[in-house]
């Protein structure tokens, strides 16, 4: 899985840095964006296999961005993992309904994240598969 391109979208600079450092240490190619607009701009020149998507973003939220990406055939095959600090009952269902392929509550588990990313990449997107 080394070298796989990953986009991390999070408005918290500390979370962005943490995810980036953890994934770079495992050999992933990592780009970051602090909001949906930056993410869309990054996607003009970068094609990730996986996006770690913060649910709570300024402006367009992560679930709306996920809906837009999954509606576009160009991005449908990208694995999108919802990240949220506000894990409430029903949030996972909302994330999956928006098109996310997995859901993780923050804070990020630094010991598990690289392995989880490798697992999500190996599994691929849920779209088009029976769950």
N, C-alpha and C. Protein backbone atom coordinates (compact mmCIF):
# COMPACT_ATOMS: atom_id res chain seq x y z
N UNK A 1 0.82 -1.21 0.00
CA UNK A 1 0.00 0.00 0.00
C UNK A 1 0.86 1.27 0.00
N UNK A 2 2.15 1.14 0.19
CA UNK A 2 3.02 2.31 0.20
C UNK A 2 2.88 3.05 -1.11
N UNK A 3 2.91 4.36 -1.02
CA UNK A 3 2.81 5.19 -2.21
C UNK A 3 1.39 5.53 -2.61
N UNK A 4 0.40 4.90 -1.99
CA UNK A 4 -1.00 5.18 -2.35
C UNK A 4 -1.33 6.64 -2.02
N UNK A 5 -2.01 7.35 -2.93
CA UNK A 5 -2.36 8.75 -2.71
C UNK A 5 -3.58 8.90 -1.79
N UNK A 6 -3.44 9.78 -0.81
CA UNK A 6 -4.50 10.01 0.18
C UNK A 6 -4.70 11.51 0.35
N UNK A 7 -5.95 11.94 0.42
CA UNK A 7 -6.30 13.32 0.72
C UNK A 7 -6.93 13.36 2.10
N UNK A 8 -6.43 14.26 2.94
CA UNK A 8 -6.99 14.46 4.28
C UNK A 8 -7.66 15.83 4.27
N UNK A 9 -8.97 15.86 4.57
CA UNK A 9 -9.73 17.11 4.60
C UNK A 9 -10.19 17.34 6.03
N UNK A 10 -9.65 18.38 6.66
CA UNK A 10 -9.99 18.68 8.06
C UNK A 10 -9.69 20.15 8.31
N UNK A 11 -10.59 20.86 8.99
CA UNK A 11 -10.37 22.28 9.26
C UNK A 11 -9.49 22.52 10.48
N UNK A 12 -9.15 21.47 11.21
CA UNK A 12 -8.29 21.61 12.38
C UNK A 12 -6.83 21.34 11.98
N UNK A 13 -5.97 22.37 12.03
CA UNK A 13 -4.57 22.19 11.60
C UNK A 13 -3.84 21.08 12.36
N UNK A 14 -4.13 20.90 13.63
CA UNK A 14 -3.46 19.85 14.41
C UNK A 14 -3.87 18.46 13.90
N UNK A 15 -5.14 18.28 13.58
CA UNK A 15 -5.61 16.99 13.04
C UNK A 15 -4.99 16.72 11.67
N UNK A 16 -4.91 17.77 10.85
CA UNK A 16 -4.30 17.62 9.52
C UNK A 16 -2.85 17.17 9.65
N UNK A 17 -2.12 17.85 10.53
CA UNK A 17 -0.71 17.54 10.71
C UNK A 17 -0.52 16.13 11.23
N UNK A 18 -1.31 15.74 12.22
CA UNK A 18 -1.20 14.41 12.81
C UNK A 18 -1.46 13.33 11.76
N UNK A 19 -2.54 13.44 11.03
CA UNK A 19 -2.87 12.43 10.02
C UNK A 19 -1.79 12.40 8.94
N UNK A 20 -1.33 13.56 8.53
CA UNK A 20 -0.30 13.63 7.48
C UNK A 20 0.99 12.94 7.94
N UNK A 21 1.44 13.27 9.14
CA UNK A 21 2.68 12.68 9.66
C UNK A 21 2.55 11.16 9.79
N UNK A 22 1.45 10.69 10.34
CA UNK A 22 1.24 9.24 10.50
C UNK A 22 1.24 8.51 9.16
N UNK A 23 0.57 9.09 8.18
CA UNK A 23 0.45 8.42 6.89
C UNK A 23 1.73 8.53 6.06
N UNK A 24 2.41 9.67 6.14
CA UNK A 24 3.70 9.80 5.44
C UNK A 24 4.71 8.80 5.99
N UNK A 25 4.67 8.59 7.31
CA UNK A 25 5.61 7.63 7.94
C UNK A 25 5.39 6.22 7.42
N UNK A 26 4.18 5.92 6.94
CA UNK A 26 3.87 4.60 6.40
C UNK A 26 4.09 4.53 4.88
N UNK A 27 4.55 5.64 4.31
CA UNK A 27 4.86 5.65 2.88
C UNK A 27 3.75 6.08 1.96
N UNK A 28 2.65 6.55 2.51
CA UNK A 28 1.56 7.04 1.67
C UNK A 28 1.92 8.42 1.10
N UNK A 29 1.36 8.75 -0.06
CA UNK A 29 1.49 10.09 -0.63
C UNK A 29 0.29 10.88 -0.10
N UNK A 30 0.55 11.95 0.64
CA UNK A 30 -0.54 12.64 1.35
C UNK A 30 -0.63 14.10 0.92
N UNK A 31 -1.85 14.53 0.64
CA UNK A 31 -2.16 15.95 0.43
C UNK A 31 -3.22 16.31 1.46
N UNK A 32 -3.31 17.60 1.78
CA UNK A 32 -4.28 18.05 2.78
C UNK A 32 -5.08 19.24 2.25
N UNK A 33 -6.26 19.41 2.83
CA UNK A 33 -7.13 20.54 2.54
C UNK A 33 -7.88 20.89 3.81
N UNK A 34 -8.12 22.19 4.02
CA UNK A 34 -8.79 22.63 5.24
C UNK A 34 -10.29 22.85 5.09
N UNK A 35 -10.79 22.77 3.86
CA UNK A 35 -12.24 22.91 3.65
C UNK A 35 -12.60 22.28 2.30
N UNK A 36 -13.88 22.28 2.00
CA UNK A 36 -14.36 21.65 0.77
C UNK A 36 -13.80 22.34 -0.47
N UNK A 37 -13.72 23.65 -0.42
CA UNK A 37 -13.20 24.41 -1.57
C UNK A 37 -11.75 24.01 -1.86
N UNK A 38 -10.92 23.95 -0.82
CA UNK A 38 -9.53 23.52 -1.02
C UNK A 38 -9.47 22.07 -1.50
N UNK A 39 -10.35 21.24 -0.98
CA UNK A 39 -10.36 19.84 -1.41
C UNK A 39 -10.69 19.74 -2.89
N UNK A 40 -11.69 20.47 -3.35
CA UNK A 40 -12.06 20.44 -4.76
C UNK A 40 -10.93 20.99 -5.63
N UNK A 41 -10.24 22.02 -5.15
CA UNK A 41 -9.10 22.55 -5.89
C UNK A 41 -7.97 21.52 -5.97
N UNK A 42 -7.72 20.83 -4.89
CA UNK A 42 -6.68 19.79 -4.86
C UNK A 42 -7.02 18.67 -5.82
N UNK A 43 -8.29 18.32 -5.90
CA UNK A 43 -8.72 17.23 -6.78
C UNK A 43 -8.57 17.56 -8.27
N UNK A 44 -8.32 18.81 -8.59
CA UNK A 44 -8.07 19.18 -9.98
C UNK A 44 -6.74 18.61 -10.48
N UNK A 45 -5.79 18.40 -9.54
CA UNK A 45 -4.45 17.96 -9.93
C UNK A 45 -3.98 16.71 -9.19
N UNK A 46 -4.81 16.15 -8.33
CA UNK A 46 -4.41 15.03 -7.49
C UNK A 46 -5.56 14.04 -7.45
N UNK A 47 -5.26 12.77 -7.68
CA UNK A 47 -6.29 11.74 -7.68
C UNK A 47 -6.02 10.75 -6.54
N UNK A 48 -6.68 10.95 -5.41
CA UNK A 48 -6.46 10.05 -4.27
C UNK A 48 -7.20 8.73 -4.44
N UNK A 49 -6.71 7.70 -3.78
CA UNK A 49 -7.45 6.44 -3.69
C UNK A 49 -8.35 6.45 -2.47
N UNK A 50 -8.01 7.33 -1.49
CA UNK A 50 -8.78 7.41 -0.25
C UNK A 50 -8.81 8.85 0.22
N UNK A 51 -9.95 9.27 0.75
CA UNK A 51 -10.10 10.59 1.35
C UNK A 51 -10.55 10.41 2.79
N UNK A 52 -9.81 10.99 3.73
CA UNK A 52 -10.25 11.09 5.12
C UNK A 52 -10.99 12.41 5.21
N UNK A 53 -12.29 12.36 5.44
CA UNK A 53 -13.17 13.52 5.31
C UNK A 53 -13.78 13.93 6.66
N UNK A 54 -13.36 15.08 7.16
CA UNK A 54 -13.98 15.63 8.37
C UNK A 54 -15.43 15.96 8.03
N UNK A 55 -16.34 15.61 8.91
CA UNK A 55 -17.76 15.87 8.68
C UNK A 55 -18.07 17.35 8.88
N UNK A 56 -17.49 17.96 9.92
CA UNK A 56 -17.75 19.36 10.25
C UNK A 56 -16.69 20.24 9.60
N UNK A 57 -17.03 20.83 8.45
CA UNK A 57 -16.14 21.75 7.76
C UNK A 57 -16.82 23.10 7.64
N UNK A 58 -16.04 24.19 7.59
CA UNK A 58 -16.67 25.50 7.35
C UNK A 58 -17.21 25.55 5.93
N UNK A 59 -18.31 26.25 5.73
CA UNK A 59 -18.92 26.30 4.41
C UNK A 59 -19.61 24.98 4.12
N UNK A 60 -19.28 24.37 2.99
CA UNK A 60 -19.86 23.07 2.65
C UNK A 60 -19.31 22.02 3.61
N UNK A 61 -20.20 21.25 4.25
CA UNK A 61 -19.72 20.23 5.18
C UNK A 61 -19.22 18.99 4.44
N UNK A 62 -18.55 18.12 5.17
CA UNK A 62 -17.94 16.95 4.58
C UNK A 62 -18.93 15.97 3.98
N UNK A 63 -20.13 15.90 4.54
CA UNK A 63 -21.13 14.97 3.99
C UNK A 63 -21.65 15.47 2.65
N UNK A 64 -21.84 16.78 2.52
CA UNK A 64 -22.28 17.33 1.23
C UNK A 64 -21.19 17.16 0.19
N UNK A 65 -19.94 17.40 0.57
CA UNK A 65 -18.84 17.19 -0.38
C UNK A 65 -18.77 15.72 -0.79
N UNK A 66 -18.98 14.82 0.15
CA UNK A 66 -18.99 13.39 -0.17
C UNK A 66 -20.10 13.07 -1.16
N UNK A 67 -21.30 13.61 -0.93
CA UNK A 67 -22.42 13.38 -1.86
C UNK A 67 -22.05 13.83 -3.27
N UNK A 68 -21.45 15.01 -3.36
CA UNK A 68 -21.06 15.54 -4.67
C UNK A 68 -20.02 14.65 -5.34
N UNK A 69 -19.02 14.23 -4.58
CA UNK A 69 -17.97 13.39 -5.15
C UNK A 69 -18.51 12.04 -5.59
N UNK A 70 -19.33 11.41 -4.77
CA UNK A 70 -19.85 10.09 -5.11
C UNK A 70 -20.85 10.14 -6.26
N UNK A 71 -21.44 11.31 -6.52
CA UNK A 71 -22.35 11.47 -7.65
C UNK A 71 -21.59 11.61 -8.97
N UNK A 72 -20.30 11.88 -8.89
CA UNK A 72 -19.47 12.09 -10.08
C UNK A 72 -18.73 10.78 -10.40
N UNK A 73 -18.94 10.21 -11.59
CA UNK A 73 -18.27 8.95 -11.93
C UNK A 73 -16.75 8.98 -11.77
N UNK A 74 -16.14 10.15 -11.92
CA UNK A 74 -14.69 10.27 -11.77
C UNK A 74 -14.24 9.92 -10.35
N UNK A 75 -15.07 10.22 -9.36
CA UNK A 75 -14.67 10.05 -7.95
C UNK A 75 -15.40 8.92 -7.24
N UNK A 76 -16.34 8.28 -7.90
CA UNK A 76 -17.14 7.24 -7.26
C UNK A 76 -16.29 6.11 -6.69
N UNK A 77 -15.18 5.80 -7.33
CA UNK A 77 -14.32 4.70 -6.88
C UNK A 77 -13.34 5.05 -5.79
N UNK A 78 -13.36 6.30 -5.34
CA UNK A 78 -12.47 6.72 -4.25
C UNK A 78 -13.10 6.33 -2.91
N UNK A 79 -12.33 5.73 -2.05
CA UNK A 79 -12.81 5.38 -0.71
C UNK A 79 -12.86 6.67 0.11
N UNK A 80 -14.01 6.97 0.70
CA UNK A 80 -14.16 8.16 1.55
C UNK A 80 -14.53 7.70 2.95
N UNK A 81 -13.71 8.14 3.91
CA UNK A 81 -13.91 7.78 5.31
C UNK A 81 -14.29 9.04 6.09
N UNK A 82 -15.46 9.03 6.70
CA UNK A 82 -15.92 10.16 7.51
C UNK A 82 -15.19 10.18 8.84
N UNK A 83 -14.73 11.38 9.21
CA UNK A 83 -14.11 11.60 10.52
C UNK A 83 -14.95 12.62 11.27
N UNK A 84 -15.26 12.35 12.53
CA UNK A 84 -16.02 13.34 13.29
C UNK A 84 -15.67 13.29 14.77
N UNK A 85 -15.64 14.47 15.35
CA UNK A 85 -15.43 14.59 16.79
C UNK A 85 -16.77 14.55 17.51
N UNK A 86 -17.85 14.66 16.78
CA UNK A 86 -19.18 14.71 17.37
C UNK A 86 -19.91 13.42 17.12
N UNK A 87 -19.38 12.34 17.65
CA UNK A 87 -19.98 11.02 17.41
C UNK A 87 -21.26 10.88 18.24
N UNK A 88 -22.37 10.96 17.55
CA UNK A 88 -23.68 10.83 18.19
C UNK A 88 -24.41 9.65 17.56
N UNK A 89 -25.42 9.19 18.25
CA UNK A 89 -26.23 8.10 17.72
C UNK A 89 -26.81 8.53 16.37
N UNK A 90 -26.64 7.69 15.38
CA UNK A 90 -27.17 7.99 14.06
C UNK A 90 -26.16 8.64 13.11
N UNK A 91 -25.02 9.13 13.64
CA UNK A 91 -24.04 9.80 12.79
C UNK A 91 -23.41 8.86 11.77
N UNK A 92 -23.12 7.64 12.20
CA UNK A 92 -22.53 6.69 11.26
C UNK A 92 -23.49 6.42 10.11
N UNK A 93 -24.77 6.25 10.42
CA UNK A 93 -25.76 6.00 9.39
C UNK A 93 -25.86 7.17 8.43
N UNK A 94 -25.80 8.41 8.95
CA UNK A 94 -25.84 9.61 8.11
C UNK A 94 -24.63 9.64 7.18
N UNK A 95 -23.46 9.30 7.71
CA UNK A 95 -22.24 9.31 6.90
C UNK A 95 -22.32 8.27 5.79
N UNK A 96 -22.78 7.07 6.13
CA UNK A 96 -22.90 6.01 5.12
C UNK A 96 -23.96 6.37 4.08
N UNK A 97 -25.06 6.98 4.53
CA UNK A 97 -26.12 7.39 3.60
C UNK A 97 -25.62 8.47 2.63
N UNK A 98 -24.67 9.31 3.08
CA UNK A 98 -24.11 10.36 2.23
C UNK A 98 -23.12 9.79 1.22
N UNK A 99 -22.73 8.52 1.40
CA UNK A 99 -21.81 7.90 0.46
C UNK A 99 -20.45 7.53 1.04
N UNK A 100 -20.24 7.82 2.32
CA UNK A 100 -18.97 7.45 2.94
C UNK A 100 -18.87 5.92 3.00
N UNK A 101 -17.66 5.43 2.87
CA UNK A 101 -17.42 4.00 2.86
C UNK A 101 -17.08 3.45 4.24
N UNK A 102 -16.73 4.36 5.16
CA UNK A 102 -16.41 3.98 6.53
C UNK A 102 -16.56 5.23 7.40
N UNK A 103 -16.49 5.02 8.70
CA UNK A 103 -16.74 6.09 9.67
C UNK A 103 -15.81 5.89 10.85
N UNK A 104 -15.14 6.97 11.27
CA UNK A 104 -14.24 6.91 12.41
C UNK A 104 -14.49 8.12 13.31
N UNK A 105 -14.63 7.88 14.60
CA UNK A 105 -14.78 8.97 15.56
C UNK A 105 -13.40 9.49 15.95
N UNK A 106 -13.30 10.81 16.12
CA UNK A 106 -12.08 11.42 16.62
C UNK A 106 -12.10 11.33 18.14
N UNK A 107 -10.98 11.41 18.80
CA UNK A 107 -9.67 11.66 18.24
C UNK A 107 -9.13 10.44 17.49
N UNK A 108 -8.28 10.72 16.51
CA UNK A 108 -7.67 9.67 15.71
C UNK A 108 -6.83 8.78 16.61
N UNK A 109 -6.98 7.48 16.47
CA UNK A 109 -6.15 6.52 17.20
C UNK A 109 -4.86 6.36 16.42
N UNK A 110 -3.77 6.98 16.92
CA UNK A 110 -2.51 7.00 16.18
C UNK A 110 -1.94 5.61 15.95
N UNK A 111 -2.24 4.68 16.83
CA UNK A 111 -1.75 3.32 16.67
C UNK A 111 -2.51 2.53 15.61
N UNK A 112 -3.75 2.91 15.37
CA UNK A 112 -4.60 2.14 14.45
C UNK A 112 -4.74 2.75 13.06
N UNK A 113 -4.60 4.08 12.93
CA UNK A 113 -4.94 4.74 11.67
C UNK A 113 -4.22 4.16 10.45
N UNK A 114 -2.89 3.99 10.46
CA UNK A 114 -2.25 3.46 9.26
C UNK A 114 -2.78 2.08 8.84
N UNK A 115 -3.02 1.21 9.81
CA UNK A 115 -3.57 -0.10 9.50
C UNK A 115 -4.99 -0.01 8.99
N UNK A 116 -5.79 0.89 9.56
CA UNK A 116 -7.16 1.08 9.09
C UNK A 116 -7.16 1.57 7.64
N UNK A 117 -6.27 2.52 7.34
CA UNK A 117 -6.19 3.05 5.98
C UNK A 117 -5.84 1.93 5.00
N UNK A 118 -4.86 1.11 5.36
CA UNK A 118 -4.48 -0.02 4.49
C UNK A 118 -5.67 -0.96 4.29
N UNK A 119 -6.42 -1.20 5.35
CA UNK A 119 -7.59 -2.09 5.26
C UNK A 119 -8.67 -1.50 4.36
N UNK A 120 -8.94 -0.19 4.51
CA UNK A 120 -9.95 0.47 3.68
C UNK A 120 -9.54 0.45 2.22
N UNK A 121 -8.25 0.68 1.95
CA UNK A 121 -7.76 0.64 0.58
C UNK A 121 -7.92 -0.75 -0.02
N UNK A 122 -7.61 -1.77 0.77
CA UNK A 122 -7.72 -3.15 0.29
C UNK A 122 -9.18 -3.52 0.02
N UNK A 123 -10.08 -3.03 0.85
CA UNK A 123 -11.50 -3.34 0.73
C UNK A 123 -12.14 -2.58 -0.43
N UNK A 124 -11.73 -1.34 -0.65
CA UNK A 124 -12.28 -0.51 -1.71
C UNK A 124 -13.59 0.12 -1.28
N UNK A 125 -14.18 0.90 -2.19
CA UNK A 125 -15.43 1.59 -1.87
C UNK A 125 -16.60 0.63 -1.76
N UNK A 126 -17.57 1.03 -0.95
CA UNK A 126 -18.77 0.21 -0.78
C UNK A 126 -19.73 0.38 -1.95
N UNK A 127 -19.65 1.52 -2.65
CA UNK A 127 -20.56 1.79 -3.76
C UNK A 127 -20.48 0.68 -4.79
N UNK A 128 -21.63 0.19 -5.19
CA UNK A 128 -21.66 -0.84 -6.22
C UNK A 128 -21.45 -2.24 -5.70
N UNK A 129 -21.30 -2.41 -4.40
CA UNK A 129 -21.12 -3.75 -3.81
C UNK A 129 -22.25 -3.99 -2.83
N UNK A 130 -22.61 -5.21 -2.65
CA UNK A 130 -23.60 -5.51 -1.61
C UNK A 130 -22.87 -5.42 -0.28
N UNK A 131 -23.54 -4.83 0.70
CA UNK A 131 -22.90 -4.60 2.00
C UNK A 131 -23.26 -5.64 3.01
